[in-house]
Amino acid sequence: MSAKTSKIITIGRSYGAGGRTVGKLISDALEIPYYDMNILKETAEKSGLAEKYIESIDEKEINDAALYLSVGFMTPAYTSVRQIAANAQREVIEKIAKEGPCVIVGRRADEILRDKPNLLKVFIAASPEDRIKRIMERDGLDEKAARKMISRADKERAAYHDQFGSDSWGMASQYDICLNTSYLSFEEAAKIIISIAAK
């Protein structure tokens, strides 16, 4: 694989807006690795926590009162399960970035890698109506269930990102590029990002 960019491209996305699809198109066109759910396996290995547990808290805000390791609880040595998982994921993402250009979807990669000079931060959005339609078609849900799923996922992603980071999830000023797939096809959105990343 011969990379056609020097950029590390992070993609934040509203649920159902097509961020993963756009990310894969970018990865293929620029011939760079694509990271999404595969980060979870490495995080599990790094943290020593079960992969199913890592999946269950993926991009969700976690209540420390509900889950913790008894490592000197209520003392300076205390480390929560959530923090162990977050630290491991940070290390995995930093390691991936050191290996060279790539596409990373979600997982606060924009926040974790914010000081990297070759970082291109992208956010993919779409109208609620279009996202509902996509989720209904993709997952075979009715409109009510799709609307509920989108609302929950967006709230969880925002809470997760903002809980650990200093920037607000989904706020345009925090990204280099914001694209709306209600007005652009996935292919058109990918082409815009590719043209910028390839400079």
N, C-alpha and C. Protein backbone atom coordinates (compact mmCIF):
# COMPACT_ATOMS: atom_id res chain seq x y z
N MET A 1 0.84 -1.20 0.00
CA MET A 1 0.00 0.00 0.00
C MET A 1 0.88 1.25 0.00
N SER A 2 0.73 2.10 -1.00
CA SER A 2 1.51 3.33 -1.12
C SER A 2 0.60 4.52 -0.87
N ALA A 3 0.72 5.13 0.29
CA ALA A 3 -0.18 6.21 0.70
C ALA A 3 -0.12 7.40 -0.24
N LYS A 4 -1.28 7.95 -0.57
CA LYS A 4 -1.38 9.11 -1.45
C LYS A 4 -1.65 10.39 -0.66
N THR A 5 -1.38 10.32 0.62
CA THR A 5 -1.52 11.49 1.50
C THR A 5 -0.58 11.32 2.68
N SER A 6 -0.25 12.43 3.32
CA SER A 6 0.54 12.38 4.55
C SER A 6 -0.34 12.62 5.76
N LYS A 7 -1.66 12.75 5.53
CA LYS A 7 -2.59 13.12 6.59
C LYS A 7 -3.10 11.94 7.41
N ILE A 8 -3.35 12.22 8.68
CA ILE A 8 -4.15 11.35 9.52
C ILE A 8 -5.54 11.98 9.52
N ILE A 9 -6.52 11.26 9.03
CA ILE A 9 -7.87 11.81 8.87
C ILE A 9 -8.78 11.23 9.93
N THR A 10 -9.31 12.07 10.80
CA THR A 10 -10.26 11.60 11.81
C THR A 10 -11.67 12.00 11.37
N ILE A 11 -12.60 11.10 11.59
CA ILE A 11 -13.98 11.36 11.17
C ILE A 11 -14.94 11.23 12.34
N GLY A 12 -15.50 12.36 12.75
CA GLY A 12 -16.61 12.36 13.68
C GLY A 12 -17.87 12.31 12.84
N ARG A 13 -18.95 11.78 13.38
CA ARG A 13 -20.15 11.66 12.56
C ARG A 13 -21.41 11.57 13.40
N SER A 14 -22.48 12.15 12.87
CA SER A 14 -23.81 11.94 13.44
C SER A 14 -24.24 10.54 13.06
N TYR A 15 -25.00 9.90 13.94
CA TYR A 15 -25.43 8.53 13.70
C TYR A 15 -26.34 8.48 12.48
N GLY A 16 -25.97 7.61 11.52
CA GLY A 16 -26.78 7.47 10.32
C GLY A 16 -26.42 8.42 9.19
N ALA A 17 -25.37 9.23 9.39
CA ALA A 17 -24.97 10.20 8.36
C ALA A 17 -24.02 9.61 7.33
N GLY A 18 -23.52 8.41 7.58
CA GLY A 18 -22.65 7.75 6.61
C GLY A 18 -21.17 7.96 6.82
N GLY A 19 -20.76 8.34 8.02
CA GLY A 19 -19.35 8.58 8.31
C GLY A 19 -18.45 7.40 8.01
N ARG A 20 -18.90 6.21 8.35
CA ARG A 20 -18.09 5.02 8.10
C ARG A 20 -17.92 4.76 6.60
N THR A 21 -19.01 4.90 5.87
CA THR A 21 -18.96 4.68 4.42
C THR A 21 -18.02 5.68 3.76
N VAL A 22 -18.13 6.95 4.14
CA VAL A 22 -17.24 7.98 3.61
C VAL A 22 -15.79 7.67 3.98
N GLY A 23 -15.58 7.25 5.21
CA GLY A 23 -14.23 6.90 5.66
C GLY A 23 -13.61 5.78 4.85
N LYS A 24 -14.39 4.75 4.55
CA LYS A 24 -13.88 3.63 3.76
C LYS A 24 -13.55 4.06 2.34
N LEU A 25 -14.38 4.92 1.76
CA LEU A 25 -14.10 5.43 0.41
C LEU A 25 -12.79 6.22 0.39
N ILE A 26 -12.56 7.01 1.42
CA ILE A 26 -11.32 7.80 1.53
C ILE A 26 -10.12 6.87 1.68
N SER A 27 -10.26 5.90 2.56
CA SER A 27 -9.19 4.93 2.80
C SER A 27 -8.79 4.21 1.53
N ASP A 28 -9.77 3.74 0.78
CA ASP A 28 -9.50 3.02 -0.47
C ASP A 28 -8.83 3.92 -1.50
N ALA A 29 -9.35 5.13 -1.65
CA ALA A 29 -8.82 6.04 -2.68
C ALA A 29 -7.40 6.51 -2.37
N LEU A 30 -7.12 6.77 -1.11
CA LEU A 30 -5.81 7.27 -0.71
C LEU A 30 -4.84 6.15 -0.34
N GLU A 31 -5.34 4.92 -0.35
CA GLU A 31 -4.54 3.74 -0.06
C GLU A 31 -3.87 3.84 1.31
N ILE A 32 -4.70 4.15 2.30
CA ILE A 32 -4.23 4.23 3.69
C ILE A 32 -5.14 3.36 4.57
N PRO A 33 -4.63 2.89 5.72
CA PRO A 33 -5.42 2.02 6.59
C PRO A 33 -6.67 2.71 7.13
N TYR A 34 -7.69 1.90 7.37
CA TYR A 34 -8.96 2.36 7.92
C TYR A 34 -9.15 1.74 9.30
N TYR A 35 -9.44 2.57 10.30
CA TYR A 35 -9.65 2.09 11.67
C TYR A 35 -11.01 2.53 12.19
N ASP A 36 -11.72 1.56 12.74
CA ASP A 36 -13.04 1.83 13.32
C ASP A 36 -13.22 0.86 14.48
N MET A 37 -14.07 -0.14 14.27
CA MET A 37 -14.31 -1.13 15.32
C MET A 37 -13.06 -1.96 15.63
N ASN A 38 -12.14 -2.05 14.68
CA ASN A 38 -10.93 -2.84 14.91
C ASN A 38 -10.05 -2.24 16.02
N ILE A 39 -10.27 -0.98 16.35
CA ILE A 39 -9.55 -0.36 17.47
C ILE A 39 -9.92 -1.03 18.79
N LEU A 40 -11.16 -1.52 18.87
CA LEU A 40 -11.64 -2.08 20.13
C LEU A 40 -10.87 -3.34 20.53
N LYS A 41 -10.53 -4.16 19.55
CA LYS A 41 -9.78 -5.39 19.85
C LYS A 41 -8.41 -5.05 20.43
N GLU A 42 -7.73 -4.08 19.83
CA GLU A 42 -6.42 -3.67 20.33
C GLU A 42 -6.54 -3.03 21.71
N THR A 43 -7.63 -2.29 21.93
CA THR A 43 -7.85 -1.67 23.23
C THR A 43 -8.04 -2.73 24.31
N ALA A 44 -8.79 -3.77 23.97
CA ALA A 44 -9.01 -4.88 24.91
C ALA A 44 -7.69 -5.55 25.26
N GLU A 45 -6.87 -5.81 24.25
CA GLU A 45 -5.58 -6.45 24.49
C GLU A 45 -4.68 -5.57 25.34
N LYS A 46 -4.70 -4.27 25.07
CA LYS A 46 -3.84 -3.34 25.79
C LYS A 46 -4.27 -3.18 27.25
N SER A 47 -5.58 -3.16 27.48
CA SER A 47 -6.10 -2.90 28.83
C SER A 47 -6.24 -4.15 29.68
N GLY A 48 -6.32 -5.32 29.02
CA GLY A 48 -6.58 -6.54 29.75
C GLY A 48 -8.05 -6.74 30.05
N LEU A 49 -8.90 -5.85 29.54
CA LEU A 49 -10.34 -5.97 29.73
C LEU A 49 -10.96 -6.77 28.59
N ALA A 50 -12.10 -7.38 28.84
CA ALA A 50 -12.76 -8.19 27.82
C ALA A 50 -13.20 -7.34 26.65
N GLU A 51 -13.05 -7.88 25.43
CA GLU A 51 -13.45 -7.13 24.24
C GLU A 51 -14.94 -6.81 24.27
N LYS A 52 -15.75 -7.74 24.81
CA LYS A 52 -17.19 -7.49 24.88
C LYS A 52 -17.49 -6.31 25.80
N TYR A 53 -16.72 -6.17 26.86
CA TYR A 53 -16.91 -5.02 27.75
C TYR A 53 -16.53 -3.74 27.02
N ILE A 54 -15.40 -3.75 26.31
CA ILE A 54 -14.97 -2.57 25.56
C ILE A 54 -16.04 -2.18 24.55
N GLU A 55 -16.63 -3.16 23.88
CA GLU A 55 -17.70 -2.90 22.91
C GLU A 55 -18.92 -2.29 23.60
N SER A 56 -19.21 -2.76 24.82
CA SER A 56 -20.42 -2.30 25.52
C SER A 56 -20.32 -0.84 25.95
N ILE A 57 -19.09 -0.32 26.11
CA ILE A 57 -18.93 1.07 26.52
C ILE A 57 -18.43 1.94 25.37
N ASP A 58 -18.32 1.37 24.19
CA ASP A 58 -17.76 2.10 23.05
C ASP A 58 -18.54 3.37 22.76
N GLU A 59 -17.85 4.50 22.81
CA GLU A 59 -18.41 5.82 22.53
C GLU A 59 -19.64 6.13 23.39
N LYS A 60 -19.58 5.68 24.64
CA LYS A 60 -20.65 5.97 25.60
C LYS A 60 -20.06 6.57 26.86
N GLU A 61 -20.80 7.47 27.48
CA GLU A 61 -20.40 8.02 28.77
C GLU A 61 -20.60 6.94 29.82
N ILE A 62 -19.62 6.81 30.71
CA ILE A 62 -19.68 5.76 31.73
C ILE A 62 -19.76 6.37 33.12
N ASN A 63 -20.60 5.79 33.94
CA ASN A 63 -20.76 6.23 35.32
C ASN A 63 -19.76 5.49 36.21
N ASP A 64 -18.78 6.23 36.75
CA ASP A 64 -17.76 5.60 37.59
C ASP A 64 -18.34 4.94 38.83
N ALA A 65 -19.47 5.42 39.30
CA ALA A 65 -20.05 4.85 40.51
C ALA A 65 -20.56 3.44 40.26
N ALA A 66 -20.85 3.13 38.99
CA ALA A 66 -21.39 1.82 38.65
C ALA A 66 -20.30 0.79 38.38
N LEU A 67 -19.18 1.25 37.80
CA LEU A 67 -18.12 0.32 37.41
C LEU A 67 -16.77 0.85 37.87
N TYR A 68 -16.06 0.07 38.69
CA TYR A 68 -14.72 0.46 39.08
C TYR A 68 -13.94 -0.76 39.51
N LEU A 69 -12.61 -0.61 39.49
CA LEU A 69 -11.73 -1.65 40.00
C LEU A 69 -11.36 -1.25 41.42
N SER A 70 -11.30 -2.19 42.30
CA SER A 70 -10.94 -1.89 43.67
C SER A 70 -9.42 -1.81 43.77
N VAL A 71 -8.88 -0.72 43.27
CA VAL A 71 -7.44 -0.49 43.32
C VAL A 71 -7.25 0.73 44.23
N GLY A 72 -7.39 0.48 45.51
CA GLY A 72 -7.32 1.57 46.46
C GLY A 72 -8.44 2.57 46.26
N PHE A 73 -9.68 2.06 46.15
CA PHE A 73 -10.83 2.93 45.89
C PHE A 73 -10.89 4.05 46.92
N MET A 74 -11.15 5.27 46.41
CA MET A 74 -11.23 6.49 47.21
C MET A 74 -9.85 6.92 47.74
N THR A 75 -8.79 6.44 47.09
CA THR A 75 -7.44 6.88 47.43
C THR A 75 -6.80 7.42 46.15
N PRO A 76 -5.64 8.08 46.24
CA PRO A 76 -4.98 8.59 45.03
C PRO A 76 -4.61 7.50 44.03
N ALA A 77 -4.49 6.25 44.50
CA ALA A 77 -4.09 5.15 43.62
C ALA A 77 -5.27 4.57 42.84
N TYR A 78 -6.48 5.01 43.16
CA TYR A 78 -7.68 4.47 42.53
C TYR A 78 -7.71 4.72 41.02
N THR A 79 -8.02 3.69 40.26
CA THR A 79 -8.19 3.82 38.81
C THR A 79 -9.48 3.13 38.41
N SER A 80 -10.38 3.84 37.77
CA SER A 80 -11.65 3.26 37.38
C SER A 80 -11.49 2.38 36.14
N VAL A 81 -12.41 1.47 35.95
CA VAL A 81 -12.42 0.63 34.76
C VAL A 81 -12.52 1.52 33.52
N ARG A 82 -13.39 2.51 33.60
CA ARG A 82 -13.56 3.43 32.49
C ARG A 82 -12.25 4.10 32.11
N GLN A 83 -11.49 4.54 33.13
CA GLN A 83 -10.24 5.23 32.86
C GLN A 83 -9.20 4.29 32.28
N ILE A 84 -9.18 3.05 32.77
CA ILE A 84 -8.26 2.06 32.22
C ILE A 84 -8.54 1.85 30.73
N ALA A 85 -9.83 1.70 30.39
CA ALA A 85 -10.22 1.51 28.99
C ALA A 85 -9.88 2.75 28.16
N ALA A 86 -10.16 3.94 28.70
CA ALA A 86 -9.89 5.19 27.98
C ALA A 86 -8.39 5.38 27.74
N ASN A 87 -7.59 5.08 28.76
CA ASN A 87 -6.13 5.21 28.63
C ASN A 87 -5.59 4.25 27.58
N ALA A 88 -6.11 3.02 27.60
CA ALA A 88 -5.67 2.01 26.63
C ALA A 88 -6.04 2.43 25.21
N GLN A 89 -7.25 2.95 25.05
CA GLN A 89 -7.68 3.36 23.71
C GLN A 89 -6.86 4.54 23.21
N ARG A 90 -6.54 5.45 24.11
CA ARG A 90 -5.69 6.58 23.74
C ARG A 90 -4.33 6.08 23.24
N GLU A 91 -3.75 5.14 23.96
CA GLU A 91 -2.45 4.61 23.58
C GLU A 91 -2.51 3.91 22.22
N VAL A 92 -3.59 3.18 21.99
CA VAL A 92 -3.76 2.49 20.70
C VAL A 92 -3.85 3.51 19.57
N ILE A 93 -4.65 4.54 19.75
CA ILE A 93 -4.82 5.56 18.71
C ILE A 93 -3.52 6.32 18.47
N GLU A 94 -2.79 6.64 19.53
CA GLU A 94 -1.50 7.32 19.36
C GLU A 94 -0.51 6.43 18.61
N LYS A 95 -0.54 5.14 18.90
CA LYS A 95 0.34 4.18 18.22
C LYS A 95 -0.01 4.10 16.73
N ILE A 96 -1.31 4.03 16.42
CA ILE A 96 -1.78 3.98 15.03
C ILE A 96 -1.30 5.23 14.28
N ALA A 97 -1.42 6.39 14.91
CA ALA A 97 -1.04 7.65 14.27
C ALA A 97 0.46 7.70 13.99
N LYS A 98 1.25 7.12 14.87
CA LYS A 98 2.70 7.10 14.67
C LYS A 98 3.10 6.24 13.48
N GLU A 99 2.24 5.28 13.16
CA GLU A 99 2.56 4.36 12.06
C GLU A 99 2.38 4.99 10.69
N GLY A 100 1.70 6.14 10.63
CA GLY A 100 1.57 6.84 9.35
C GLY A 100 0.15 7.25 9.01
N PRO A 101 -0.05 7.75 7.80
CA PRO A 101 -1.37 8.22 7.36
C PRO A 101 -2.43 7.14 7.50
N CYS A 102 -3.65 7.55 7.87
CA CYS A 102 -4.74 6.60 8.06
C CYS A 102 -6.05 7.36 8.20
N VAL A 103 -7.14 6.61 8.24
CA VAL A 103 -8.46 7.14 8.54
C VAL A 103 -8.91 6.51 9.85
N ILE A 104 -9.32 7.34 10.82
CA ILE A 104 -9.83 6.84 12.10
C ILE A 104 -11.23 7.40 12.30
N VAL A 105 -12.19 6.52 12.46
CA VAL A 105 -13.58 6.94 12.66
C VAL A 105 -13.92 6.94 14.15
N GLY A 106 -14.38 8.07 14.66
CA GLY A 106 -14.86 8.17 16.04
C GLY A 106 -13.77 8.00 17.08
N ARG A 107 -14.15 7.51 18.25
CA ARG A 107 -13.27 7.21 19.38
C ARG A 107 -12.45 8.39 19.87
N ARG A 108 -12.96 9.60 19.70
CA ARG A 108 -12.29 10.82 20.16
C ARG A 108 -10.92 11.01 19.53
N ALA A 109 -10.68 10.40 18.38
CA ALA A 109 -9.36 10.51 17.75
C ALA A 109 -9.00 11.97 17.45
N ASP A 110 -10.00 12.78 17.10
CA ASP A 110 -9.73 14.20 16.83
C ASP A 110 -9.18 14.91 18.06
N GLU A 111 -9.71 14.56 19.22
CA GLU A 111 -9.26 15.16 20.48
C GLU A 111 -7.91 14.59 20.90
N ILE A 112 -7.75 13.29 20.82
CA ILE A 112 -6.51 12.62 21.23
C ILE A 112 -5.32 13.09 20.40
N LEU A 113 -5.53 13.29 19.11
CA LEU A 113 -4.44 13.63 18.20
C LEU A 113 -4.41 15.13 17.85
N ARG A 114 -5.08 15.94 18.60
CA ARG A 114 -5.30 17.35 18.26
C ARG A 114 -4.02 18.13 18.02
N ASP A 115 -2.90 17.74 18.61
CA ASP A 115 -1.65 18.48 18.46
C ASP A 115 -0.79 18.00 17.30
N LYS A 116 -1.25 16.99 16.58
CA LYS A 116 -0.48 16.49 15.44
C LYS A 116 -0.59 17.47 14.27
N PRO A 117 0.54 17.85 13.67
CA PRO A 117 0.51 18.84 12.58
C PRO A 117 -0.13 18.32 11.29
N ASN A 118 -0.13 17.00 11.10
CA ASN A 118 -0.68 16.43 9.85
C ASN A 118 -2.08 15.87 10.03
N LEU A 119 -2.82 16.43 11.01
CA LEU A 119 -4.17 15.95 11.31
C LEU A 119 -5.21 16.71 10.49
N LEU A 120 -6.16 15.97 9.93
CA LEU A 120 -7.28 16.56 9.20
C LEU A 120 -8.56 16.08 9.89
N LYS A 121 -9.24 16.99 10.59
CA LYS A 121 -10.42 16.65 11.38
C LYS A 121 -11.69 16.90 10.57
N VAL A 122 -12.47 15.84 10.41
CA VAL A 122 -13.68 15.89 9.58
C VAL A 122 -14.91 15.55 10.42
N PHE A 123 -16.03 16.20 10.12
CA PHE A 123 -17.31 15.80 10.72
C PHE A 123 -18.33 15.61 9.61
N ILE A 124 -19.03 14.47 9.66
CA ILE A 124 -20.06 14.14 8.67
C ILE A 124 -21.43 14.23 9.34
N ALA A 125 -22.30 15.07 8.80
CA ALA A 125 -23.64 15.26 9.35
C ALA A 125 -24.68 15.01 8.26
N ALA A 126 -25.93 14.98 8.64
CA ALA A 126 -27.05 14.87 7.70
C ALA A 126 -28.31 15.28 8.45
N SER A 127 -29.37 15.55 7.72
CA SER A 127 -30.63 15.94 8.36
C SER A 127 -31.21 14.76 9.13
N PRO A 128 -31.97 15.03 10.19
CA PRO A 128 -32.61 13.93 10.93
C PRO A 128 -33.46 13.05 10.02
N GLU A 129 -34.17 13.66 9.09
CA GLU A 129 -35.05 12.89 8.20
C GLU A 129 -34.26 11.89 7.35
N ASP A 130 -33.14 12.35 6.79
CA ASP A 130 -32.32 11.46 5.96
C ASP A 130 -31.66 10.37 6.79
N ARG A 131 -31.25 10.72 8.00
CA ARG A 131 -30.62 9.71 8.87
C ARG A 131 -31.64 8.66 9.28
N ILE A 132 -32.85 9.09 9.61
CA ILE A 132 -33.90 8.14 9.97
C ILE A 132 -34.17 7.19 8.81
N LYS A 133 -34.27 7.73 7.62
CA LYS A 133 -34.53 6.91 6.43
C LYS A 133 -33.43 5.87 6.23
N ARG A 134 -32.17 6.30 6.37
CA ARG A 134 -31.05 5.38 6.19
C ARG A 134 -31.05 4.26 7.22
N ILE A 135 -31.32 4.62 8.48
CA ILE A 135 -31.34 3.62 9.54
C ILE A 135 -32.51 2.65 9.35
N MET A 136 -33.65 3.17 8.92
CA MET A 136 -34.80 2.30 8.66
C MET A 136 -34.45 1.28 7.58
N GLU A 137 -33.81 1.74 6.51
CA GLU A 137 -33.45 0.85 5.40
C GLU A 137 -32.33 -0.11 5.80
N ARG A 138 -31.34 0.41 6.50
CA ARG A 138 -30.18 -0.41 6.86
C ARG A 138 -30.50 -1.47 7.90
N ASP A 139 -31.27 -1.08 8.92
CA ASP A 139 -31.51 -1.98 10.05
C ASP A 139 -32.90 -2.59 10.07
N GLY A 140 -33.73 -2.25 9.08
CA GLY A 140 -35.07 -2.82 9.03
C GLY A 140 -35.96 -2.36 10.17
N LEU A 141 -35.82 -1.10 10.57
CA LEU A 141 -36.59 -0.56 11.70
C LEU A 141 -37.74 0.31 11.20
N ASP A 142 -38.74 0.49 12.07
CA ASP A 142 -39.79 1.46 11.73
C ASP A 142 -39.30 2.85 12.11
N GLU A 143 -40.05 3.87 11.72
CA GLU A 143 -39.59 5.24 11.93
C GLU A 143 -39.38 5.58 13.40
N LYS A 144 -40.29 5.16 14.25
CA LYS A 144 -40.18 5.46 15.69
C LYS A 144 -38.91 4.87 16.28
N ALA A 145 -38.61 3.61 15.95
CA ALA A 145 -37.43 2.93 16.49
C ALA A 145 -36.15 3.58 15.96
N ALA A 146 -36.15 3.94 14.67
CA ALA A 146 -34.98 4.57 14.06
C ALA A 146 -34.71 5.93 14.69
N ARG A 147 -35.77 6.71 14.90
CA ARG A 147 -35.64 8.03 15.50
C ARG A 147 -35.07 7.92 16.92
N LYS A 148 -35.55 6.94 17.67
CA LYS A 148 -35.09 6.73 19.04
C LYS A 148 -33.62 6.32 19.05
N MET A 149 -33.24 5.43 18.13
CA MET A 149 -31.86 4.96 18.06
C MET A 149 -30.91 6.10 17.73
N ILE A 150 -31.29 6.95 16.79
CA ILE A 150 -30.46 8.09 16.39
C ILE A 150 -30.29 9.07 17.55
N SER A 151 -31.38 9.36 18.23
CA SER A 151 -31.33 10.29 19.36
C SER A 151 -30.40 9.77 20.46
N ARG A 152 -30.55 8.49 20.78
CA ARG A 152 -29.72 7.90 21.83
C ARG A 152 -28.25 7.87 21.44
N ALA A 153 -27.96 7.45 20.20
CA ALA A 153 -26.56 7.33 19.75
C ALA A 153 -25.87 8.68 19.73
N ASP A 154 -26.55 9.72 19.24
CA ASP A 154 -25.95 11.04 19.19
C ASP A 154 -25.67 11.57 20.60
N LYS A 155 -26.60 11.35 21.52
CA LYS A 155 -26.41 11.82 22.90
C LYS A 155 -25.23 11.09 23.55
N GLU A 156 -25.14 9.78 23.30
CA GLU A 156 -24.06 8.99 23.88
C GLU A 156 -22.71 9.43 23.33
N ARG A 157 -22.64 9.66 22.03
CA ARG A 157 -21.38 10.09 21.42
C ARG A 157 -20.95 11.45 21.93
N ALA A 158 -21.90 12.36 22.03
CA ALA A 158 -21.59 13.70 22.51
C ALA A 158 -21.11 13.65 23.96
N ALA A 159 -21.80 12.90 24.80
CA ALA A 159 -21.43 12.80 26.21
C ALA A 159 -20.07 12.16 26.37
N TYR A 160 -19.81 11.11 25.59
CA TYR A 160 -18.52 10.40 25.64
C TYR A 160 -17.39 11.33 25.23
N HIS A 161 -17.56 12.01 24.12
CA HIS A 161 -16.52 12.90 23.61
C HIS A 161 -16.27 14.04 24.58
N ASP A 162 -17.33 14.68 25.05
CA ASP A 162 -17.19 15.85 25.89
C ASP A 162 -16.73 15.50 27.30
N GLN A 163 -17.00 14.27 27.74
CA GLN A 163 -16.60 13.84 29.07
C GLN A 163 -15.07 13.78 29.18
N PHE A 164 -14.41 13.31 28.13
CA PHE A 164 -12.97 13.16 28.16
C PHE A 164 -12.23 14.31 27.49
N GLY A 165 -12.91 15.05 26.61
CA GLY A 165 -12.23 16.06 25.82
C GLY A 165 -12.57 17.48 26.24
N SER A 166 -11.87 18.41 25.60
CA SER A 166 -12.09 19.83 25.92
C SER A 166 -12.94 20.51 24.85
N ASP A 167 -13.12 19.86 23.71
CA ASP A 167 -13.92 20.42 22.62
C ASP A 167 -15.32 19.83 22.63
N SER A 168 -16.27 20.54 22.03
CA SER A 168 -17.65 20.07 21.98
C SER A 168 -17.87 19.25 20.71
N TRP A 169 -18.40 18.05 20.89
CA TRP A 169 -18.67 17.14 19.77
C TRP A 169 -19.67 17.77 18.80
N GLY A 170 -19.35 17.68 17.51
CA GLY A 170 -20.27 18.15 16.50
C GLY A 170 -20.28 19.65 16.25
N MET A 171 -19.50 20.42 17.01
CA MET A 171 -19.46 21.87 16.81
C MET A 171 -18.53 22.17 15.64
N ALA A 172 -19.04 22.84 14.62
CA ALA A 172 -18.29 23.04 13.38
C ALA A 172 -16.91 23.66 13.58
N SER A 173 -16.79 24.57 14.52
CA SER A 173 -15.52 25.27 14.72
C SER A 173 -14.40 24.35 15.21
N GLN A 174 -14.76 23.15 15.65
CA GLN A 174 -13.76 22.20 16.17
C GLN A 174 -13.17 21.32 15.07
N TYR A 175 -13.67 21.45 13.85
CA TYR A 175 -13.24 20.58 12.76
C TYR A 175 -12.67 21.39 11.59
N ASP A 176 -11.87 20.72 10.76
CA ASP A 176 -11.31 21.37 9.57
C ASP A 176 -12.32 21.35 8.43
N ILE A 177 -13.11 20.28 8.36
CA ILE A 177 -14.11 20.13 7.30
C ILE A 177 -15.40 19.58 7.91
N CYS A 178 -16.52 20.18 7.60
CA CYS A 178 -17.84 19.64 7.98
C CYS A 178 -18.66 19.49 6.70
N LEU A 179 -19.17 18.29 6.48
CA LEU A 179 -19.93 18.01 5.26
C LEU A 179 -21.28 17.41 5.62
N ASN A 180 -22.28 17.73 4.80
CA ASN A 180 -23.64 17.27 5.04
C ASN A 180 -24.05 16.31 3.92
N THR A 181 -24.27 15.06 4.28
CA THR A 181 -24.60 14.05 3.27
C THR A 181 -26.08 14.05 2.88
N SER A 182 -26.81 15.05 3.36
CA SER A 182 -28.15 15.27 2.83
C SER A 182 -28.05 16.04 1.51
N TYR A 183 -26.93 16.74 1.32
CA TYR A 183 -26.72 17.54 0.11
C TYR A 183 -25.65 16.93 -0.80
N LEU A 184 -24.82 16.08 -0.24
CA LEU A 184 -23.76 15.42 -1.00
C LEU A 184 -23.93 13.91 -0.91
N SER A 185 -23.62 13.21 -1.97
CA SER A 185 -23.59 11.74 -1.88
C SER A 185 -22.35 11.36 -1.08
N PHE A 186 -22.28 10.13 -0.62
CA PHE A 186 -21.10 9.67 0.11
C PHE A 186 -19.86 9.83 -0.77
N GLU A 187 -20.00 9.51 -2.05
CA GLU A 187 -18.88 9.61 -2.99
C GLU A 187 -18.42 11.05 -3.16
N GLU A 188 -19.39 11.98 -3.25
CA GLU A 188 -19.04 13.39 -3.39
C GLU A 188 -18.35 13.92 -2.13
N ALA A 189 -18.84 13.53 -0.98
CA ALA A 189 -18.23 13.94 0.29
C ALA A 189 -16.80 13.41 0.37
N ALA A 190 -16.62 12.15 0.01
CA ALA A 190 -15.29 11.54 0.05
C ALA A 190 -14.34 12.26 -0.89
N LYS A 191 -14.81 12.62 -2.08
CA LYS A 191 -13.95 13.30 -3.06
C LYS A 191 -13.46 14.65 -2.55
N ILE A 192 -14.32 15.36 -1.86
CA ILE A 192 -13.92 16.67 -1.29
C ILE A 192 -12.79 16.47 -0.28
N ILE A 193 -12.97 15.50 0.61
CA ILE A 193 -11.96 15.24 1.64
C ILE A 193 -10.67 14.74 1.01
N ILE A 194 -10.79 13.87 0.03
CA ILE A 194 -9.62 13.32 -0.67
C ILE A 194 -8.83 14.43 -1.35
N SER A 195 -9.54 15.37 -1.99
CA SER A 195 -8.85 16.45 -2.69
C SER A 195 -8.06 17.33 -1.74
N ILE A 196 -8.56 17.52 -0.53
CA ILE A 196 -7.87 18.32 0.48
C ILE A 196 -6.72 17.53 1.09
N ALA A 197 -6.96 16.26 1.40
CA ALA A 197 -5.94 15.42 2.04
C ALA A 197 -4.76 15.13 1.12
N ALA A 198 -5.02 15.13 -0.18
CA ALA A 198 -3.96 14.78 -1.15
C ALA A 198 -3.04 15.96 -1.47
N LYS A 199 -3.36 17.16 -0.99
CA LYS A 199 -2.53 18.34 -1.29
C LYS A 199 -1.18 18.25 -0.61
